[in-house]
N, C-alpha and C. Protein backbone atom coordinates (compact mmCIF):
# COMPACT_ATOMS: atom_id res chain seq x y z
N UNK A 1 7.18 -18.50 -67.77
CA UNK A 1 5.86 -17.79 -68.16
C UNK A 1 6.16 -17.01 -69.50
N UNK A 2 5.29 -17.17 -70.48
CA UNK A 2 5.21 -16.44 -71.83
C UNK A 2 4.28 -15.36 -71.72
N UNK A 3 4.85 -14.11 -72.08
CA UNK A 3 4.00 -12.82 -72.16
C UNK A 3 3.99 -12.41 -73.45
N UNK A 4 2.82 -12.04 -74.00
CA UNK A 4 2.59 -11.35 -75.18
C UNK A 4 2.07 -10.11 -75.08
N UNK A 5 2.73 -9.02 -75.68
CA UNK A 5 2.06 -7.65 -75.80
C UNK A 5 1.59 -7.50 -77.15
N UNK A 6 0.40 -7.01 -77.23
CA UNK A 6 -0.43 -6.83 -78.41
C UNK A 6 -0.87 -5.45 -78.71
N UNK A 7 -0.63 -4.92 -79.81
CA UNK A 7 -1.28 -3.81 -80.33
C UNK A 7 -2.01 -3.96 -81.72
N UNK A 8 -2.08 -2.89 -82.60
CA UNK A 8 -2.59 -2.92 -83.81
C UNK A 8 -1.65 -3.43 -84.87
N UNK A 9 -0.61 -2.65 -85.09
CA UNK A 9 0.41 -2.90 -86.20
C UNK A 9 1.67 -3.60 -85.74
N UNK A 10 1.90 -3.52 -84.41
CA UNK A 10 3.15 -4.12 -84.05
C UNK A 10 4.39 -3.33 -84.46
N UNK A 11 4.25 -2.00 -84.70
CA UNK A 11 5.37 -1.28 -85.04
C UNK A 11 5.76 -0.17 -84.02
N UNK A 12 4.67 -0.09 -83.18
CA UNK A 12 4.92 1.06 -82.18
C UNK A 12 4.89 0.59 -80.68
N UNK A 13 3.50 0.47 -80.23
CA UNK A 13 3.21 0.31 -78.79
C UNK A 13 3.79 -1.04 -78.38
N UNK A 14 3.42 -2.12 -79.01
CA UNK A 14 3.74 -3.48 -78.58
C UNK A 14 5.22 -3.74 -78.52
N UNK A 15 5.88 -3.38 -79.61
CA UNK A 15 7.42 -3.63 -79.47
C UNK A 15 8.12 -2.95 -78.55
N UNK A 16 7.66 -1.58 -78.43
CA UNK A 16 8.15 -0.81 -77.11
C UNK A 16 8.00 -1.42 -75.81
N UNK A 17 6.77 -1.93 -75.52
CA UNK A 17 6.39 -2.57 -74.44
C UNK A 17 7.28 -3.86 -74.21
N UNK A 18 7.27 -4.58 -75.24
CA UNK A 18 8.24 -5.78 -75.03
C UNK A 18 9.64 -5.45 -74.69
N UNK A 19 10.33 -4.55 -75.45
CA UNK A 19 11.79 -4.16 -75.26
C UNK A 19 11.81 -3.57 -73.92
N UNK A 20 10.85 -2.63 -73.48
CA UNK A 20 10.85 -2.14 -71.89
C UNK A 20 10.79 -3.23 -71.22
N UNK A 21 9.88 -4.24 -71.32
CA UNK A 21 9.72 -5.25 -70.34
C UNK A 21 10.94 -6.11 -70.23
N UNK A 22 11.53 -6.38 -71.28
CA UNK A 22 13.03 -7.03 -71.31
C UNK A 22 14.09 -6.31 -70.49
N UNK A 23 14.09 -5.02 -70.64
CA UNK A 23 15.11 -4.27 -69.83
C UNK A 23 14.62 -4.29 -68.43
N UNK A 24 13.37 -3.98 -68.09
CA UNK A 24 13.12 -3.88 -66.50
C UNK A 24 13.28 -5.29 -65.93
N UNK A 25 12.74 -6.26 -66.72
CA UNK A 25 12.99 -7.60 -66.01
C UNK A 25 14.39 -8.01 -65.71
N UNK A 26 15.12 -7.69 -67.04
CA UNK A 26 16.55 -8.22 -66.98
C UNK A 26 16.83 -9.56 -66.51
N UNK A 27 17.57 -9.74 -65.41
CA UNK A 27 17.99 -10.98 -64.81
C UNK A 27 17.05 -11.49 -63.68
N UNK A 28 16.23 -10.49 -63.29
CA UNK A 28 15.35 -10.83 -62.29
C UNK A 28 14.44 -11.90 -62.27
N UNK A 29 13.80 -12.18 -63.55
CA UNK A 29 12.86 -13.16 -63.87
C UNK A 29 13.41 -13.99 -65.11
N UNK A 30 14.31 -14.88 -64.94
CA UNK A 30 14.86 -15.57 -66.13
C UNK A 30 13.69 -16.45 -66.82
N UNK A 31 12.82 -16.82 -66.04
CA UNK A 31 11.65 -17.66 -66.69
C UNK A 31 10.65 -16.98 -67.40
N UNK A 32 10.63 -15.68 -67.57
CA UNK A 32 9.78 -15.00 -68.37
C UNK A 32 10.37 -14.78 -69.79
N UNK A 33 9.42 -15.21 -70.76
CA UNK A 33 9.75 -14.95 -72.04
C UNK A 33 8.78 -13.94 -72.71
N UNK A 34 9.26 -13.01 -73.49
CA UNK A 34 8.34 -11.85 -73.87
C UNK A 34 8.48 -11.77 -75.44
N UNK A 35 7.15 -11.63 -76.01
CA UNK A 35 7.02 -11.37 -77.50
C UNK A 35 6.03 -10.38 -77.66
N UNK A 36 5.91 -9.78 -78.93
CA UNK A 36 4.92 -8.84 -79.30
C UNK A 36 4.34 -9.21 -80.74
N UNK A 37 3.08 -8.70 -80.80
CA UNK A 37 2.44 -9.12 -82.10
C UNK A 37 1.34 -8.02 -82.24
N UNK A 38 0.90 -7.87 -83.60
CA UNK A 38 -0.20 -6.87 -84.01
C UNK A 38 -1.53 -7.68 -84.33
N UNK A 39 -2.59 -7.08 -84.02
CA UNK A 39 -3.79 -7.62 -84.52
C UNK A 39 -3.93 -7.67 -85.94
N UNK A 40 -3.40 -6.41 -86.59
CA UNK A 40 -3.46 -6.12 -87.88
C UNK A 40 -2.22 -5.98 -88.54
N UNK A 41 -1.15 -6.58 -87.93
CA UNK A 41 0.23 -6.39 -88.43
C UNK A 41 0.49 -7.20 -89.74
N UNK A 42 1.45 -6.56 -90.54
CA UNK A 42 2.08 -7.17 -91.66
C UNK A 42 3.34 -7.65 -91.06
N UNK A 43 3.57 -8.91 -91.69
CA UNK A 43 5.07 -9.49 -91.14
C UNK A 43 6.19 -8.84 -91.63
N UNK A 44 7.17 -8.70 -90.70
CA UNK A 44 8.42 -8.27 -91.33
C UNK A 44 8.80 -6.74 -91.32
N UNK A 45 7.77 -5.81 -90.86
CA UNK A 45 7.82 -4.46 -90.85
C UNK A 45 8.86 -4.08 -89.56
N UNK A 46 9.58 -2.94 -89.78
CA UNK A 46 10.53 -2.44 -88.89
C UNK A 46 9.64 -1.65 -87.87
N UNK A 47 10.09 -1.57 -86.66
CA UNK A 47 9.51 -0.61 -85.74
C UNK A 47 9.56 0.73 -86.44
N UNK A 48 8.69 1.73 -85.87
CA UNK A 48 8.58 2.98 -86.53
C UNK A 48 9.72 3.74 -85.92
N UNK A 49 10.13 4.81 -86.75
CA UNK A 49 11.24 5.51 -86.47
C UNK A 49 10.97 6.21 -85.14
N UNK A 50 9.87 6.67 -84.81
CA UNK A 50 9.59 7.31 -83.53
C UNK A 50 9.81 6.31 -82.27
N UNK A 51 9.28 5.11 -82.52
CA UNK A 51 9.45 4.11 -81.49
C UNK A 51 11.02 3.89 -81.13
N UNK A 52 11.86 3.67 -82.29
CA UNK A 52 13.23 3.56 -82.18
C UNK A 52 13.83 4.69 -81.49
N UNK A 53 13.48 5.83 -81.77
CA UNK A 53 13.99 7.01 -81.27
C UNK A 53 13.69 7.23 -79.58
N UNK A 54 12.34 7.00 -79.34
CA UNK A 54 12.00 7.10 -78.14
C UNK A 54 12.62 6.09 -77.17
N UNK A 55 12.91 4.90 -77.43
CA UNK A 55 13.67 3.89 -76.70
C UNK A 55 15.04 4.03 -76.56
N UNK A 56 15.74 5.12 -77.25
CA UNK A 56 17.06 5.28 -77.14
C UNK A 56 17.30 5.99 -75.78
N UNK A 57 16.14 6.72 -75.33
CA UNK A 57 16.34 7.38 -74.07
C UNK A 57 16.56 6.20 -72.76
N UNK A 58 16.18 5.05 -73.11
CA UNK A 58 16.22 3.92 -72.20
C UNK A 58 17.38 2.93 -72.35
N UNK A 59 18.21 3.48 -73.38
CA UNK A 59 19.36 2.71 -73.65
C UNK A 59 18.93 1.24 -74.69
N UNK A 60 17.95 1.45 -75.31
CA UNK A 60 17.37 0.31 -75.97
C UNK A 60 17.50 0.49 -77.54
N UNK A 61 18.01 -0.27 -78.37
CA UNK A 61 18.11 -0.34 -79.77
C UNK A 61 17.00 -1.24 -80.29
N UNK A 62 16.02 -0.59 -81.00
CA UNK A 62 14.74 -1.41 -81.26
C UNK A 62 14.87 -1.66 -82.96
N UNK A 63 16.20 -1.59 -83.48
CA UNK A 63 16.44 -1.84 -84.88
C UNK A 63 16.19 -3.04 -85.22
N UNK A 64 16.34 -4.18 -84.29
CA UNK A 64 16.19 -5.60 -84.64
C UNK A 64 14.66 -5.96 -84.93
N UNK A 65 13.74 -5.29 -84.35
CA UNK A 65 12.42 -5.64 -84.20
C UNK A 65 11.85 -5.78 -85.69
N UNK A 66 11.02 -6.80 -85.86
CA UNK A 66 10.29 -7.12 -87.26
C UNK A 66 8.74 -7.59 -86.70
N UNK A 67 7.96 -6.73 -87.28
CA UNK A 67 6.54 -7.08 -86.92
C UNK A 67 6.11 -8.66 -87.24
N UNK A 68 5.15 -8.90 -86.31
CA UNK A 68 4.55 -10.29 -86.63
C UNK A 68 2.90 -10.09 -86.33
N UNK A 69 2.27 -10.73 -87.24
CA UNK A 69 0.74 -10.75 -86.94
C UNK A 69 0.44 -11.79 -85.92
N UNK A 70 -0.87 -11.31 -85.14
CA UNK A 70 -1.09 -12.13 -84.05
C UNK A 70 -1.74 -13.40 -84.53
N UNK A 71 -1.29 -14.72 -84.20
CA UNK A 71 -1.92 -15.91 -84.61
C UNK A 71 -2.46 -16.74 -83.47
N UNK A 72 -3.24 -17.67 -83.76
CA UNK A 72 -3.75 -18.50 -82.79
C UNK A 72 -2.55 -19.26 -82.02
N UNK A 73 -1.47 -19.58 -82.70
CA UNK A 73 -0.52 -20.34 -82.15
C UNK A 73 0.29 -19.58 -81.15
N UNK A 74 0.41 -18.25 -81.42
CA UNK A 74 1.07 -17.34 -80.45
C UNK A 74 0.19 -17.04 -79.25
N UNK A 75 -1.21 -17.12 -79.46
CA UNK A 75 -2.01 -17.01 -78.31
C UNK A 75 -1.91 -18.41 -77.48
N UNK A 76 -2.00 -19.34 -78.05
CA UNK A 76 -1.88 -20.46 -77.29
C UNK A 76 -0.59 -20.79 -76.61
N UNK A 77 0.53 -20.33 -77.07
CA UNK A 77 1.78 -20.39 -76.53
C UNK A 77 2.07 -19.43 -75.32
N UNK A 78 1.30 -18.51 -75.26
CA UNK A 78 1.31 -17.48 -74.00
C UNK A 78 0.40 -17.75 -72.94
N UNK A 79 0.89 -17.36 -71.79
CA UNK A 79 0.32 -17.55 -70.28
C UNK A 79 -0.23 -16.12 -70.04
N UNK A 80 0.06 -15.11 -70.66
CA UNK A 80 -0.45 -13.84 -70.31
C UNK A 80 -0.41 -12.86 -71.51
N UNK A 81 -1.45 -12.37 -72.06
CA UNK A 81 -1.56 -11.50 -73.07
C UNK A 81 -2.01 -10.16 -72.59
N UNK A 82 -1.10 -9.08 -72.92
CA UNK A 82 -1.24 -7.68 -72.49
C UNK A 82 -1.72 -6.83 -73.63
N UNK A 83 -2.86 -6.39 -73.97
CA UNK A 83 -3.11 -5.42 -74.90
C UNK A 83 -2.93 -3.95 -74.56
N UNK A 84 -2.97 -2.97 -75.65
CA UNK A 84 -2.72 -1.84 -75.30
C UNK A 84 -4.09 -0.91 -75.09
N UNK A 85 -5.19 -1.58 -75.55
CA UNK A 85 -6.41 -0.87 -75.34
C UNK A 85 -7.57 -1.90 -74.94
N UNK A 86 -8.57 -1.32 -74.55
CA UNK A 86 -9.85 -2.17 -73.99
C UNK A 86 -10.37 -2.64 -75.16
N UNK A 87 -10.46 -2.06 -76.35
CA UNK A 87 -11.13 -2.62 -77.69
C UNK A 87 -10.24 -4.02 -78.15
N UNK A 88 -8.71 -3.99 -78.13
CA UNK A 88 -8.11 -4.95 -78.58
C UNK A 88 -8.23 -6.20 -77.46
N UNK A 89 -8.37 -5.82 -76.29
CA UNK A 89 -8.76 -6.87 -75.42
C UNK A 89 -10.07 -7.60 -75.72
N UNK A 90 -11.08 -6.77 -75.90
CA UNK A 90 -12.37 -7.42 -76.25
C UNK A 90 -12.41 -8.19 -77.61
N UNK A 91 -11.46 -7.68 -78.70
CA UNK A 91 -11.45 -8.53 -79.90
C UNK A 91 -10.70 -10.01 -79.51
N UNK A 92 -9.83 -10.12 -78.59
CA UNK A 92 -9.12 -11.27 -78.11
C UNK A 92 -9.79 -12.00 -77.13
N UNK A 93 -10.74 -11.52 -76.33
CA UNK A 93 -11.48 -12.44 -75.20
C UNK A 93 -12.03 -13.75 -75.84
N UNK A 94 -12.76 -13.79 -77.09
CA UNK A 94 -13.28 -15.02 -77.43
C UNK A 94 -12.18 -16.04 -77.71
N UNK A 95 -11.10 -15.60 -78.17
CA UNK A 95 -10.18 -16.65 -78.39
C UNK A 95 -9.01 -16.93 -77.40
N UNK A 96 -8.78 -16.00 -76.50
CA UNK A 96 -7.78 -15.95 -75.42
C UNK A 96 -8.23 -16.06 -74.13
N UNK A 97 -9.59 -15.79 -73.98
CA UNK A 97 -10.21 -16.03 -72.59
C UNK A 97 -9.53 -15.26 -71.51
N UNK A 98 -9.38 -15.94 -70.38
CA UNK A 98 -8.99 -15.32 -69.09
C UNK A 98 -7.55 -15.02 -69.00
N UNK A 99 -6.90 -15.15 -70.13
CA UNK A 99 -5.31 -14.74 -70.01
C UNK A 99 -5.05 -13.35 -70.71
N UNK A 100 -6.07 -12.91 -71.09
CA UNK A 100 -6.09 -11.41 -71.75
C UNK A 100 -6.39 -10.41 -70.82
N UNK A 101 -5.75 -9.34 -70.71
CA UNK A 101 -6.00 -8.05 -69.98
C UNK A 101 -5.45 -6.80 -70.87
N UNK A 102 -5.82 -5.73 -70.52
CA UNK A 102 -5.14 -4.54 -70.86
C UNK A 102 -3.86 -4.52 -70.13
N UNK A 103 -2.78 -3.86 -70.59
CA UNK A 103 -1.61 -3.70 -69.94
C UNK A 103 -1.90 -2.78 -68.57
N UNK A 104 -2.72 -1.91 -68.92
CA UNK A 104 -3.10 -0.83 -67.71
C UNK A 104 -3.83 -1.55 -66.76
N UNK A 105 -4.89 -2.29 -67.16
CA UNK A 105 -5.67 -3.23 -66.20
C UNK A 105 -4.85 -4.16 -65.37
N UNK A 106 -3.83 -4.84 -65.96
CA UNK A 106 -3.02 -5.81 -65.23
C UNK A 106 -2.17 -5.14 -64.30
N UNK A 107 -1.75 -3.77 -64.58
CA UNK A 107 -0.99 -3.01 -63.80
C UNK A 107 -1.74 -2.31 -62.68
N UNK A 108 -3.03 -2.62 -62.69
CA UNK A 108 -3.86 -1.85 -61.65
C UNK A 108 -4.50 -0.52 -61.92
N UNK A 109 -4.43 -0.21 -63.04
CA UNK A 109 -5.06 1.16 -63.52
C UNK A 109 -6.16 0.99 -64.71
N UNK A 110 -6.81 2.02 -65.06
CA UNK A 110 -7.86 1.85 -65.97
C UNK A 110 -7.70 2.87 -67.10
N UNK A 111 -6.85 2.64 -67.96
CA UNK A 111 -6.66 3.60 -69.11
C UNK A 111 -6.00 2.80 -70.22
N UNK A 112 -6.29 3.55 -71.41
CA UNK A 112 -5.61 2.81 -72.58
C UNK A 112 -4.15 3.30 -72.77
N UNK A 113 -3.37 2.68 -73.54
CA UNK A 113 -2.16 3.03 -73.80
C UNK A 113 -2.24 3.98 -75.01
N UNK A 114 -1.91 5.27 -75.07
CA UNK A 114 -2.15 6.06 -76.13
C UNK A 114 -1.31 5.68 -77.32
N UNK A 115 -2.00 5.88 -78.39
CA UNK A 115 -1.29 5.43 -79.73
C UNK A 115 -0.40 6.53 -80.55
N UNK A 116 0.91 6.51 -80.61
CA UNK A 116 1.73 7.57 -80.97
C UNK A 116 1.67 7.41 -82.46
N UNK A 117 1.26 6.49 -83.15
CA UNK A 117 1.41 6.31 -84.62
C UNK A 117 1.16 7.75 -85.43
N UNK A 118 1.94 8.27 -86.03
CA UNK A 118 1.93 9.36 -86.84
C UNK A 118 2.29 10.63 -86.08
N UNK A 119 2.65 10.59 -84.78
CA UNK A 119 3.05 11.72 -84.14
C UNK A 119 4.43 11.95 -84.22
N UNK A 120 4.80 12.99 -83.47
CA UNK A 120 6.35 13.49 -83.62
C UNK A 120 7.04 12.62 -82.44
N UNK A 121 8.32 12.82 -82.26
CA UNK A 121 9.17 12.05 -81.50
C UNK A 121 8.62 12.31 -80.12
N UNK A 122 8.28 13.55 -79.67
CA UNK A 122 7.83 13.79 -78.34
C UNK A 122 6.60 12.95 -77.91
N UNK A 123 5.69 12.67 -78.99
CA UNK A 123 4.58 11.76 -78.74
C UNK A 123 5.00 10.31 -78.50
N UNK A 124 5.85 9.96 -79.14
CA UNK A 124 6.31 8.48 -78.82
C UNK A 124 7.13 8.49 -77.43
N UNK A 125 7.82 9.60 -77.17
CA UNK A 125 8.52 9.47 -75.90
C UNK A 125 7.47 9.49 -74.76
N UNK A 126 6.37 10.13 -74.96
CA UNK A 126 5.31 10.26 -73.85
C UNK A 126 4.71 8.78 -73.79
N UNK A 127 4.48 8.21 -74.93
CA UNK A 127 3.90 6.86 -74.89
C UNK A 127 4.98 5.77 -74.15
N UNK A 128 6.27 5.89 -74.48
CA UNK A 128 7.20 5.16 -73.99
C UNK A 128 7.40 5.40 -72.28
N UNK A 129 7.03 6.52 -71.90
CA UNK A 129 7.20 6.87 -70.54
C UNK A 129 5.95 6.22 -69.84
N UNK A 130 4.83 6.12 -70.74
CA UNK A 130 3.54 5.56 -69.95
C UNK A 130 3.85 4.00 -69.94
N UNK A 131 4.36 3.50 -70.92
CA UNK A 131 4.61 2.17 -71.00
C UNK A 131 5.42 1.54 -69.77
N UNK A 132 6.60 2.41 -69.68
CA UNK A 132 7.60 1.97 -68.60
C UNK A 132 7.01 2.00 -67.37
N UNK A 133 6.06 3.00 -67.09
CA UNK A 133 5.35 3.01 -65.55
C UNK A 133 4.61 1.81 -65.50
N UNK A 134 3.80 1.44 -66.60
CA UNK A 134 2.83 0.26 -66.47
C UNK A 134 3.63 -0.97 -66.40
N UNK A 135 4.58 -1.01 -67.06
CA UNK A 135 5.40 -2.17 -67.12
C UNK A 135 6.19 -2.52 -65.64
N UNK A 136 6.58 -1.51 -65.11
CA UNK A 136 7.18 -1.57 -63.86
C UNK A 136 6.13 -1.97 -62.79
N UNK A 137 4.95 -1.66 -62.98
CA UNK A 137 3.85 -2.21 -62.05
C UNK A 137 3.69 -3.48 -62.22
N UNK A 138 3.72 -4.00 -63.41
CA UNK A 138 3.45 -5.48 -63.96
C UNK A 138 4.50 -6.32 -63.36
N UNK A 139 5.85 -5.75 -63.62
CA UNK A 139 6.78 -6.72 -63.11
C UNK A 139 6.96 -6.98 -61.65
N UNK A 140 6.57 -5.84 -61.02
CA UNK A 140 6.30 -6.02 -59.39
C UNK A 140 5.26 -7.07 -59.04
N UNK A 141 4.23 -6.87 -59.63
CA UNK A 141 3.08 -7.72 -59.49
C UNK A 141 3.48 -9.38 -59.81
N UNK A 142 4.22 -9.50 -61.06
CA UNK A 142 4.80 -10.81 -61.35
C UNK A 142 5.70 -11.26 -60.25
N UNK A 143 6.61 -10.47 -59.90
CA UNK A 143 7.66 -10.88 -58.80
C UNK A 143 6.93 -11.09 -57.51
N UNK A 144 5.68 -10.61 -57.21
CA UNK A 144 5.17 -10.87 -55.86
C UNK A 144 4.24 -12.10 -56.08
N UNK A 145 3.80 -12.44 -57.29
CA UNK A 145 3.26 -13.80 -57.50
C UNK A 145 3.93 -14.96 -57.37
N UNK A 146 5.36 -14.75 -57.52
CA UNK A 146 6.35 -16.03 -57.48
C UNK A 146 6.20 -16.65 -56.13
């Protein structure tokens, strides 16, 4: 299964979500491949400093991340697309159809993932905590669907 996390610029939320999902999934689901992209991303941007700092609390080094714009090819390659907001989901519905959900919706909740962009480290840590909880719920759902 190929999962794509999508946000706006692919420097904060979606790379944090992808890295956290990799960590949470670990060896439990070796058939899951995870990527991230941004609807308005510029290619090759590093993750924001706040995102890098927030993920250190989870033992994750996000320095490897380079942003990538969302493309039709990425959409076609993925089985599941998880956006950070309802508006991002709405933007993708015409081209991604029934494989796009908000991360929160897929996890069984109804809220957007807050955008930490421009905030201090604490704001990024709060977003990382929100992402972690949602991704734990998604991983449980995926395990139960096997």
